[in-house]
Amino acid sequence: MTFRPLHDRVLVKRIEAEEKTAGGIIIPDSAKEKPQEGEVVAAGTGLRSDEGKITPLDVKAGDRILFGKWSGTEVKVDGQDLLIMKESDILGIVG
């Protein structure tokens, strides 16, 4: 990957949701919502405090995360659709 996020930002790849409901009904593409779960592809070094100390991020590459519905900025890196968001937009780590 040729992209490295700065400071407290992370690069996230969305994880696609199931195409069937629990009852076996197939959901068409037009009715699907964008998934709110993803995998961290890359993370910045951390946030710099007023004293100059760097506070490392709680997430790292490979973590599965949940994020808000409208979080992040969509970008295309190396032909992949990814999201760049601040660590504060992440709701939690899955698993």
PDB file of N, CA and C in Angstrom:
ATOM      1  N   MET A   1       0.852  -1.171   0.000  1.00  0.00           N
ATOM      2  CA  MET A   1       0.000   0.000   0.000  1.00  0.00           C
ATOM      3  C   MET A   1       0.900   1.236   0.000  1.00  0.00           C
ATOM      4  N   THR A   2       0.515   2.221  -0.783  1.00  0.00           N
ATOM      5  CA  THR A   2       1.320   3.430  -0.914  1.00  0.00           C
ATOM      6  C   THR A   2       0.771   4.592  -0.110  1.00  0.00           C
ATOM      7  N   PHE A   3      -0.174   4.340   0.776  1.00  0.00           N
ATOM      8  CA  PHE A   3      -0.818   5.410   1.536  1.00  0.00           C
ATOM      9  C   PHE A   3      -0.645   5.154   3.031  1.00  0.00           C
ATOM     10  N   ARG A   4      -0.247   6.192   3.767  1.00  0.00           N
ATOM     11  CA  ARG A   4      -0.122   6.100   5.219  1.00  0.00           C
ATOM     12  C   ARG A   4      -0.862   7.273   5.836  1.00  0.00           C
ATOM     13  N   PRO A   5      -1.878   7.013   6.669  1.00  0.00           N
ATOM     14  CA  PRO A   5      -2.625   8.094   7.301  1.00  0.00           C
ATOM     15  C   PRO A   5      -1.752   8.846   8.306  1.00  0.00           C
ATOM     16  N   LEU A   6      -2.061  10.106   8.506  1.00  0.00           N
ATOM     17  CA  LEU A   6      -1.312  10.928   9.450  1.00  0.00           C
ATOM     18  C   LEU A   6      -2.062  11.052  10.774  1.00  0.00           C
ATOM     19  N   HIS A   7      -1.302  11.292  11.830  1.00  0.00           N
ATOM     20  CA  HIS A   7      -1.796  11.605  13.168  1.00  0.00           C
ATOM     21  C   HIS A   7      -2.813  10.579  13.671  1.00  0.00           C
ATOM     22  N   ASP A   8      -4.058  10.996  13.949  1.00  0.00           N
ATOM     23  CA  ASP A   8      -5.046  10.091  14.544  1.00  0.00           C
ATOM     24  C   ASP A   8      -6.056   9.580  13.519  1.00  0.00           C
ATOM     25  N   ARG A   9      -5.637   9.482  12.280  1.00  0.00           N
ATOM     26  CA  ARG A   9      -6.541   8.993  11.234  1.00  0.00           C
ATOM     27  C   ARG A   9      -6.249   7.528  10.924  1.00  0.00           C
ATOM     28  N   VAL A  10      -7.297   6.829  10.464  1.00  0.00           N
ATOM     29  CA  VAL A  10      -7.159   5.431  10.080  1.00  0.00           C
ATOM     30  C   VAL A  10      -7.771   5.214   8.700  1.00  0.00           C
ATOM     31  N   LEU A  11      -7.242   4.250   7.979  1.00  0.00           N
ATOM     32  CA  LEU A  11      -7.738   3.872   6.663  1.00  0.00           C
ATOM     33  C   LEU A  11      -8.510   2.569   6.838  1.00  0.00           C
ATOM     34  N   VAL A  12      -9.777   2.551   6.400  1.00  0.00           N
ATOM     35  CA  VAL A  12     -10.681   1.432   6.682  1.00  0.00           C
ATOM     36  C   VAL A  12     -11.266   0.886   5.390  1.00  0.00           C
ATOM     37  N   LYS A  13     -11.325  -0.450   5.305  1.00  0.00           N
ATOM     38  CA  LYS A  13     -12.006  -1.125   4.195  1.00  0.00           C
ATOM     39  C   LYS A  13     -13.320  -1.671   4.737  1.00  0.00           C
ATOM     40  N   ARG A  14     -14.441  -1.317   4.084  1.00  0.00           N
ATOM     41  CA  ARG A  14     -15.748  -1.804   4.526  1.00  0.00           C
ATOM     42  C   ARG A  14     -15.831  -3.321   4.371  1.00  0.00           C
ATOM     43  N   ILE A  15     -16.506  -3.961   5.310  1.00  0.00           N
ATOM     44  CA  ILE A  15     -16.789  -5.397   5.226  1.00  0.00           C
ATOM     45  C   ILE A  15     -18.242  -5.525   4.802  1.00  0.00           C
ATOM     46  N   GLU A  16     -18.468  -6.179   3.687  1.00  0.00           N
ATOM     47  CA  GLU A  16     -19.815  -6.286   3.122  1.00  0.00           C
ATOM     48  C   GLU A  16     -20.717  -7.118   4.008  1.00  0.00           C
ATOM     49  N   ALA A  17     -21.963  -6.704   4.125  1.00  0.00           N
ATOM     50  CA  ALA A  17     -22.964  -7.402   4.932  1.00  0.00           C
ATOM     51  C   ALA A  17     -23.484  -8.620   4.183  1.00  0.00           C
ATOM     52  N   GLU A  18     -24.176  -9.473   4.909  1.00  0.00           N
ATOM     53  CA  GLU A  18     -24.786 -10.656   4.315  1.00  0.00           C
ATOM     54  C   GLU A  18     -25.796 -10.250   3.250  1.00  0.00           C
ATOM     55  N   GLU A  19     -25.926 -11.057   2.220  1.00  0.00           N
ATOM     56  CA  GLU A  19     -26.884 -10.772   1.154  1.00  0.00           C
ATOM     57  C   GLU A  19     -28.234 -11.419   1.410  1.00  0.00           C
ATOM     58  N   LYS A  20     -28.344 -12.213   2.484  1.00  0.00           N
ATOM     59  CA  LYS A  20     -29.612 -12.862   2.826  1.00  0.00           C
ATOM     60  C   LYS A  20     -29.989 -12.477   4.252  1.00  0.00           C
ATOM     61  N   THR A  21     -31.287 -12.458   4.499  1.00  0.00           N
ATOM     62  CA  THR A  21     -31.765 -12.250   5.862  1.00  0.00           C
ATOM     63  C   THR A  21     -31.722 -13.587   6.601  1.00  0.00           C
ATOM     64  N   ALA A  22     -32.025 -13.569   7.879  1.00  0.00           N
ATOM     65  CA  ALA A  22     -32.042 -14.803   8.670  1.00  0.00           C
ATOM     66  C   ALA A  22     -33.082 -15.787   8.132  1.00  0.00           C
ATOM     67  N   GLY A  23     -34.145 -15.262   7.540  1.00  0.00           N
ATOM     68  CA  GLY A  23     -35.199 -16.120   6.979  1.00  0.00           C
ATOM     69  C   GLY A  23     -34.895 -16.633   5.579  1.00  0.00           C
ATOM     70  N   GLY A  24     -33.755 -16.222   4.994  1.00  0.00           N
ATOM     71  CA  GLY A  24     -33.361 -16.696   3.681  1.00  0.00           C
ATOM     72  C   GLY A  24     -33.758 -15.801   2.527  1.00  0.00           C
ATOM     73  N   ILE A  25     -34.305 -14.624   2.818  1.00  0.00           N
ATOM     74  CA  ILE A  25     -34.706 -13.698   1.759  1.00  0.00           C
ATOM     75  C   ILE A  25     -33.471 -12.974   1.241  1.00  0.00           C
ATOM     76  N   ILE A  26     -33.284 -12.954  -0.065  1.00  0.00           N
ATOM     77  CA  ILE A  26     -32.134 -12.275  -0.680  1.00  0.00           C
ATOM     78  C   ILE A  26     -32.442 -10.792  -0.799  1.00  0.00           C
ATOM     79  N   ILE A  27     -31.509  -9.971  -0.337  1.00  0.00           N
ATOM     80  CA  ILE A  27     -31.689  -8.517  -0.355  1.00  0.00           C
ATOM     81  C   ILE A  27     -31.062  -7.959  -1.637  1.00  0.00           C
ATOM     82  N   PRO A  28     -31.822  -7.236  -2.471  1.00  0.00           N
ATOM     83  CA  PRO A  28     -31.252  -6.664  -3.695  1.00  0.00           C
ATOM     84  C   PRO A  28     -30.288  -5.523  -3.367  1.00  0.00           C
ATOM     85  N   ASP A  29     -29.366  -5.249  -4.292  1.00  0.00           N
ATOM     86  CA  ASP A  29     -28.364  -4.199  -4.089  1.00  0.00           C
ATOM     87  C   ASP A  29     -28.990  -2.842  -3.821  1.00  0.00           C
ATOM     88  N   SER A  30     -30.116  -2.545  -4.458  1.00  0.00           N
ATOM     89  CA  SER A  30     -30.745  -1.239  -4.298  1.00  0.00           C
ATOM     90  C   SER A  30     -31.305  -1.031  -2.887  1.00  0.00           C
ATOM     91  N   ALA A  31     -31.585  -2.101  -2.165  1.00  0.00           N
ATOM     92  CA  ALA A  31     -32.161  -1.990  -0.823  1.00  0.00           C
ATOM     93  C   ALA A  31     -31.119  -2.094   0.287  1.00  0.00           C
ATOM     94  N   LYS A  32     -29.889  -2.421  -0.075  1.00  0.00           N
ATOM     95  CA  LYS A  32     -28.841  -2.590   0.939  1.00  0.00           C
ATOM     96  C   LYS A  32     -28.353  -1.246   1.450  1.00  0.00           C
ATOM     97  N   GLU A  33     -28.033  -1.218   2.728  1.00  0.00           N
ATOM     98  CA  GLU A  33     -27.377  -0.053   3.294  1.00  0.00           C
ATOM     99  C   GLU A  33     -25.877  -0.314   3.270  1.00  0.00           C
ATOM    100  N   LYS A  34     -25.090   0.768   3.269  1.00  0.00           N
ATOM    101  CA  LYS A  34     -23.646   0.598   3.326  1.00  0.00           C
ATOM    102  C   LYS A  34     -23.289   0.011   4.685  1.00  0.00           C
ATOM    103  N   PRO A  35     -22.375  -0.942   4.707  1.00  0.00           N
ATOM    104  CA  PRO A  35     -22.028  -1.568   5.982  1.00  0.00           C
ATOM    105  C   PRO A  35     -21.342  -0.580   6.922  1.00  0.00           C
ATOM    106  N   GLN A  36     -21.565  -0.782   8.219  1.00  0.00           N
ATOM    107  CA  GLN A  36     -20.951   0.059   9.227  1.00  0.00           C
ATOM    108  C   GLN A  36     -19.873  -0.707   9.965  1.00  0.00           C
ATOM    109  N   GLU A  37     -19.399  -1.777   9.354  1.00  0.00           N
ATOM    110  CA  GLU A  37     -18.330  -2.575   9.924  1.00  0.00           C
ATOM    111  C   GLU A  37     -17.192  -2.591   8.912  1.00  0.00           C
ATOM    112  N   GLY A  38     -15.964  -2.554   9.414  1.00  0.00           N
ATOM    113  CA  GLY A  38     -14.828  -2.535   8.511  1.00  0.00           C
ATOM    114  C   GLY A  38     -13.586  -3.093   9.149  1.00  0.00           C
ATOM    115  N   GLU A  39     -12.539  -3.147   8.331  1.00  0.00           N
ATOM    116  CA  GLU A  39     -11.232  -3.620   8.784  1.00  0.00           C
ATOM    117  C   GLU A  39     -10.233  -2.497   8.604  1.00  0.00           C
ATOM    118  N   VAL A  40      -9.433  -2.248   9.646  1.00  0.00           N
ATOM    119  CA  VAL A  40      -8.414  -1.202   9.578  1.00  0.00           C
ATOM    120  C   VAL A  40      -7.298  -1.687   8.662  1.00  0.00           C
ATOM    121  N   VAL A  41      -7.021  -0.910   7.614  1.00  0.00           N
ATOM    122  CA  VAL A  41      -5.962  -1.245   6.666  1.00  0.00           C
ATOM    123  C   VAL A  41      -4.643  -0.624   7.120  1.00  0.00           C
ATOM    124  N   ALA A  42      -4.698   0.623   7.583  1.00  0.00           N
ATOM    125  CA  ALA A  42      -3.512   1.328   8.060  1.00  0.00           C
ATOM    126  C   ALA A  42      -3.933   2.347   9.104  1.00  0.00           C
ATOM    127  N   ALA A  43      -3.028   2.669  10.018  1.00  0.00           N
ATOM    128  CA  ALA A  43      -3.326   3.638  11.071  1.00  0.00           C
ATOM    129  C   ALA A  43      -2.172   4.615  11.196  1.00  0.00           C
ATOM    130  N   GLY A  44      -2.500   5.846  11.594  1.00  0.00           N
ATOM    131  CA  GLY A  44      -1.489   6.865  11.816  1.00  0.00           C
ATOM    132  C   GLY A  44      -0.696   6.592  13.086  1.00  0.00           C
ATOM    133  N   THR A  45       0.250   7.475  13.378  1.00  0.00           N
ATOM    134  CA  THR A  45       1.131   7.278  14.532  1.00  0.00           C
ATOM    135  C   THR A  45       0.469   7.647  15.848  1.00  0.00           C
ATOM    136  N   GLY A  46      -0.476   8.566  15.833  1.00  0.00           N
ATOM    137  CA  GLY A  46      -1.159   8.971  17.058  1.00  0.00           C
ATOM    138  C   GLY A  46      -1.322  10.471  17.114  1.00  0.00           C
ATOM    139  N   LEU A  47      -2.015  10.920  18.143  1.00  0.00           N
ATOM    140  CA  LEU A  47      -2.313  12.336  18.325  1.00  0.00           C
ATOM    141  C   LEU A  47      -1.246  12.986  19.196  1.00  0.00           C
ATOM    142  N   ARG A  48      -0.758  14.149  18.775  1.00  0.00           N
ATOM    143  CA  ARG A  48       0.260  14.866  19.533  1.00  0.00           C
ATOM    144  C   ARG A  48      -0.424  15.793  20.533  1.00  0.00           C
ATOM    145  N   SER A  49      -0.013  15.716  21.799  1.00  0.00           N
ATOM    146  CA  SER A  49      -0.596  16.555  22.843  1.00  0.00           C
ATOM    147  C   SER A  49       0.061  17.938  22.825  1.00  0.00           C
ATOM    148  N   ASP A  50      -0.449  18.843  23.675  1.00  0.00           N
ATOM    149  CA  ASP A  50       0.109  20.192  23.757  1.00  0.00           C
ATOM    150  C   ASP A  50       1.558  20.188  24.239  1.00  0.00           C
ATOM    151  N   GLU A  51       1.929  19.168  25.019  1.00  0.00           N
ATOM    152  CA  GLU A  51       3.309  19.055  25.516  1.00  0.00           C
ATOM    153  C   GLU A  51       4.245  18.435  24.491  1.00  0.00           C
ATOM    154  N   GLY A  52       3.705  17.950  23.375  1.00  0.00           N
ATOM    155  CA  GLY A  52       4.526  17.364  22.323  1.00  0.00           C
ATOM    156  C   GLY A  52       4.616  15.851  22.383  1.00  0.00           C
ATOM    157  N   LYS A  53       3.981  15.218  23.374  1.00  0.00           N
ATOM    158  CA  LYS A  53       4.005  13.756  23.471  1.00  0.00           C
ATOM    159  C   LYS A  53       2.975  13.165  22.516  1.00  0.00           C
ATOM    160  N   ILE A  54       3.332  12.049  21.902  1.00  0.00           N
ATOM    161  CA  ILE A  54       2.431  11.360  20.981  1.00  0.00           C
ATOM    162  C   ILE A  54       1.680  10.278  21.741  1.00  0.00           C
ATOM    163  N   THR A  55       0.345  10.331  21.683  1.00  0.00           N
ATOM    164  CA  THR A  55      -0.506   9.307  22.277  1.00  0.00           C
ATOM    165  C   THR A  55      -0.851   8.303  21.180  1.00  0.00           C
ATOM    166  N   PRO A  56      -0.382   7.043  21.296  1.00  0.00           N
ATOM    167  CA  PRO A  56      -0.651   6.068  20.232  1.00  0.00           C
ATOM    168  C   PRO A  56      -2.135   5.736  20.128  1.00  0.00           C
ATOM    169  N   LEU A  57      -2.543   5.273  18.950  1.00  0.00           N
ATOM    170  CA  LEU A  57      -3.942   4.904  18.704  1.00  0.00           C
ATOM    171  C   LEU A  57      -4.264   3.567  19.373  1.00  0.00           C
ATOM    172  N   ASP A  58      -5.553   3.357  19.677  1.00  0.00           N
ATOM    173  CA  ASP A  58      -6.005   2.095  20.263  1.00  0.00           C
ATOM    174  C   ASP A  58      -6.241   1.027  19.201  1.00  0.00           C
ATOM    175  N   VAL A  59      -6.331   1.428  17.928  1.00  0.00           N
ATOM    176  CA  VAL A  59      -6.556   0.463  16.848  1.00  0.00           C
ATOM    177  C   VAL A  59      -5.278   0.270  16.048  1.00  0.00           C
ATOM    178  N   LYS A  60      -5.193  -0.877  15.388  1.00  0.00           N
ATOM    179  CA  LYS A  60      -4.036  -1.175  14.538  1.00  0.00           C
ATOM    180  C   LYS A  60      -4.525  -1.882  13.280  1.00  0.00           C
ATOM    181  N   ALA A  61      -3.676  -1.996  12.302  1.00  0.00           N
ATOM    182  CA  ALA A  61      -4.036  -2.668  11.055  1.00  0.00           C
ATOM    183  C   ALA A  61      -4.496  -4.093  11.350  1.00  0.00           C
ATOM    184  N   GLY A  62      -5.609  -4.484  10.725  1.00  0.00           N
ATOM    185  CA  GLY A  62      -6.155  -5.816  10.905  1.00  0.00           C
ATOM    186  C   GLY A  62      -7.323  -5.876  11.869  1.00  0.00           C
ATOM    187  N   ASP A  63      -7.539  -4.836  12.699  1.00  0.00           N
ATOM    188  CA  ASP A  63      -8.662  -4.822  13.631  1.00  0.00           C
ATOM    189  C   ASP A  63      -9.982  -4.677  12.883  1.00  0.00           C
ATOM    190  N   ARG A  64     -11.013  -5.410  13.339  1.00  0.00           N
ATOM    191  CA  ARG A  64     -12.387  -5.228  12.833  1.00  0.00           C
ATOM    192  C   ARG A  64     -13.055  -4.204  13.715  1.00  0.00           C
ATOM    193  N   ILE A  65     -13.667  -3.197  13.101  1.00  0.00           N
ATOM    194  CA  ILE A  65     -14.239  -2.088  13.858  1.00  0.00           C
ATOM    195  C   ILE A  65     -15.673  -1.808  13.437  1.00  0.00           C
ATOM    196  N   LEU A  66     -16.394  -1.095  14.297  1.00  0.00           N
ATOM    197  CA  LEU A  66     -17.702  -0.548  13.978  1.00  0.00           C
ATOM    198  C   LEU A  66     -17.559   0.967  13.954  1.00  0.00           C
ATOM    199  N   PHE A  67     -18.226   1.605  12.990  1.00  0.00           N
ATOM    200  CA  PHE A  67     -18.153   3.058  12.893  1.00  0.00           C
ATOM    201  C   PHE A  67     -19.536   3.607  12.569  1.00  0.00           C
ATOM    202  N   GLY A  68     -19.707   4.911  12.776  1.00  0.00           N
ATOM    203  CA  GLY A  68     -20.989   5.563  12.542  1.00  0.00           C
ATOM    204  C   GLY A  68     -21.384   5.548  11.080  1.00  0.00           C
ATOM    205  N   LYS A  69     -22.674   5.684  10.839  1.00  0.00           N
ATOM    206  CA  LYS A  69     -23.235   5.607   9.496  1.00  0.00           C
ATOM    207  C   LYS A  69     -22.628   6.639   8.536  1.00  0.00           C
ATOM    208  N   TRP A  70     -22.378   7.846   9.023  1.00  0.00           N
ATOM    209  CA  TRP A  70     -21.881   8.914   8.158  1.00  0.00           C
ATOM    210  C   TRP A  70     -20.412   9.236   8.437  1.00  0.00           C
ATOM    211  N   SER A  71     -19.679   8.318   9.036  1.00  0.00           N
ATOM    212  CA  SER A  71     -18.277   8.555   9.397  1.00  0.00           C
ATOM    213  C   SER A  71     -17.358   8.453   8.191  1.00  0.00           C
ATOM    214  N   GLY A  72     -16.304   9.230   8.227  1.00  0.00           N
ATOM    215  CA  GLY A  72     -15.230   9.092   7.262  1.00  0.00           C
ATOM    216  C   GLY A  72     -15.456   9.766   5.925  1.00  0.00           C
ATOM    217  N   THR A  73     -14.384   9.785   5.153  1.00  0.00           N
ATOM    218  CA  THR A  73     -14.374  10.329   3.801  1.00  0.00           C
ATOM    219  C   THR A  73     -14.000   9.205   2.846  1.00  0.00           C
ATOM    220  N   GLU A  74     -14.814   9.009   1.825  1.00  0.00           N
ATOM    221  CA  GLU A  74     -14.545   7.935   0.867  1.00  0.00           C
ATOM    222  C   GLU A  74     -13.426   8.335  -0.073  1.00  0.00           C
ATOM    223  N   VAL A  75     -12.448   7.436  -0.257  1.00  0.00           N
ATOM    224  CA  VAL A  75     -11.323   7.651  -1.163  1.00  0.00           C
ATOM    225  C   VAL A  75     -11.079   6.363  -1.951  1.00  0.00           C
ATOM    226  N   LYS A  76     -10.356   6.487  -3.036  1.00  0.00           N
ATOM    227  CA  LYS A  76      -9.954   5.325  -3.827  1.00  0.00           C
ATOM    228  C   LYS A  76      -8.427   5.266  -3.786  1.00  0.00           C
ATOM    229  N   VAL A  77      -7.887   4.174  -3.226  1.00  0.00           N
ATOM    230  CA  VAL A  77      -6.441   3.981  -3.107  1.00  0.00           C
ATOM    231  C   VAL A  77      -6.102   2.644  -3.751  1.00  0.00           C
ATOM    232  N   ASP A  78      -5.181   2.647  -4.694  1.00  0.00           N
ATOM    233  CA  ASP A  78      -4.773   1.430  -5.409  1.00  0.00           C
ATOM    234  C   ASP A  78      -5.975   0.671  -5.981  1.00  0.00           C
ATOM    235  N   GLY A  79      -6.993   1.407  -6.458  1.00  0.00           N
ATOM    236  CA  GLY A  79      -8.163   0.790  -7.071  1.00  0.00           C
ATOM    237  C   GLY A  79      -9.193   0.277  -6.092  1.00  0.00           C
ATOM    238  N   GLN A  80      -8.974   0.446  -4.784  1.00  0.00           N
ATOM    239  CA  GLN A  80      -9.927  -0.014  -3.771  1.00  0.00           C
ATOM    240  C   GLN A  80     -10.690   1.172  -3.200  1.00  0.00           C
ATOM    241  N   ASP A  81     -11.990   0.973  -2.938  1.00  0.00           N
ATOM    242  CA  ASP A  81     -12.787   2.001  -2.271  1.00  0.00           C
ATOM    243  C   ASP A  81     -12.584   1.857  -0.771  1.00  0.00           C
ATOM    244  N   LEU A  82     -12.018   2.890  -0.144  1.00  0.00           N
ATOM    245  CA  LEU A  82     -11.704   2.870   1.278  1.00  0.00           C
ATOM    246  C   LEU A  82     -12.263   4.111   1.958  1.00  0.00           C
ATOM    247  N   LEU A  83     -12.193   4.148   3.281  1.00  0.00           N
ATOM    248  CA  LEU A  83     -12.608   5.295   4.073  1.00  0.00           C
ATOM    249  C   LEU A  83     -11.429   5.802   4.896  1.00  0.00           C
ATOM    250  N   ILE A  84     -11.311   7.110   5.014  1.00  0.00           N
ATOM    251  CA  ILE A  84     -10.363   7.710   5.952  1.00  0.00           C
ATOM    252  C   ILE A  84     -11.202   8.364   7.035  1.00  0.00           C
ATOM    253  N   MET A  85     -10.904   8.022   8.292  1.00  0.00           N
ATOM    254  CA  MET A  85     -11.648   8.624   9.398  1.00  0.00           C
ATOM    255  C   MET A  85     -10.740   8.831  10.597  1.00  0.00           C
ATOM    256  N   LYS A  86     -11.170   9.710  11.476  1.00  0.00           N
ATOM    257  CA  LYS A  86     -10.444   9.925  12.720  1.00  0.00           C
ATOM    258  C   LYS A  86     -10.757   8.783  13.676  1.00  0.00           C
ATOM    259  N   GLU A  87      -9.836   8.526  14.594  1.00  0.00           N
ATOM    260  CA  GLU A  87     -10.047   7.455  15.560  1.00  0.00           C
ATOM    261  C   GLU A  87     -11.300   7.712  16.391  1.00  0.00           C
ATOM    262  N   SER A  88     -11.621   8.968  16.629  1.00  0.00           N
ATOM    263  CA  SER A  88     -12.802   9.299  17.436  1.00  0.00           C
ATOM    264  C   SER A  88     -14.114   8.929  16.741  1.00  0.00           C
ATOM    265  N   ASP A  89     -14.103   8.688  15.415  1.00  0.00           N
ATOM    266  CA  ASP A  89     -15.299   8.258  14.683  1.00  0.00           C
ATOM    267  C   ASP A  89     -15.567   6.764  14.857  1.00  0.00           C
ATOM    268  N   ILE A  90     -14.586   6.032  15.384  1.00  0.00           N
ATOM    269  CA  ILE A  90     -14.732   4.592  15.562  1.00  0.00           C
ATOM    270  C   ILE A  90     -15.499   4.338  16.854  1.00  0.00           C
ATOM    271  N   LEU A  91     -16.544   3.514  16.756  1.00  0.00           N
ATOM    272  CA  LEU A  91     -17.383   3.221  17.910  1.00  0.00           C
ATOM    273  C   LEU A  91     -16.804   2.116  18.784  1.00  0.00           C
ATOM    274  N   GLY A  92     -16.129   1.145  18.175  1.00  0.00           N
ATOM    275  CA  GLY A  92     -15.547   0.061  18.958  1.00  0.00           C
ATOM    276  C   GLY A  92     -14.852  -0.964  18.084  1.00  0.00           C
ATOM    277  N   ILE A  93     -14.117  -1.857  18.742  1.00  0.00           N
ATOM    278  CA  ILE A  93     -13.405  -2.942  18.076  1.00  0.00           C
ATOM    279  C   ILE A  93     -14.220  -4.217  18.279  1.00  0.00           C
ATOM    280  N   VAL A  94     -14.431  -4.962  17.198  1.00  0.00           N
ATOM    281  CA  VAL A  94     -15.217  -6.203  17.245  1.00  0.00           C
ATOM    282  C   VAL A  94     -14.290  -7.373  17.512  1.00  0.00           C
ATOM    283  N   GLY A  95     -14.687  -8.217  18.435  1.00  0.00           N
ATOM    284  CA  GLY A  95     -14.030  -9.484  18.629  1.00  0.00           C
ATOM    285  C   GLY A  95     -12.874  -9.521  19.495  1.00  0.00           C
TER     286      GLY A  95
END
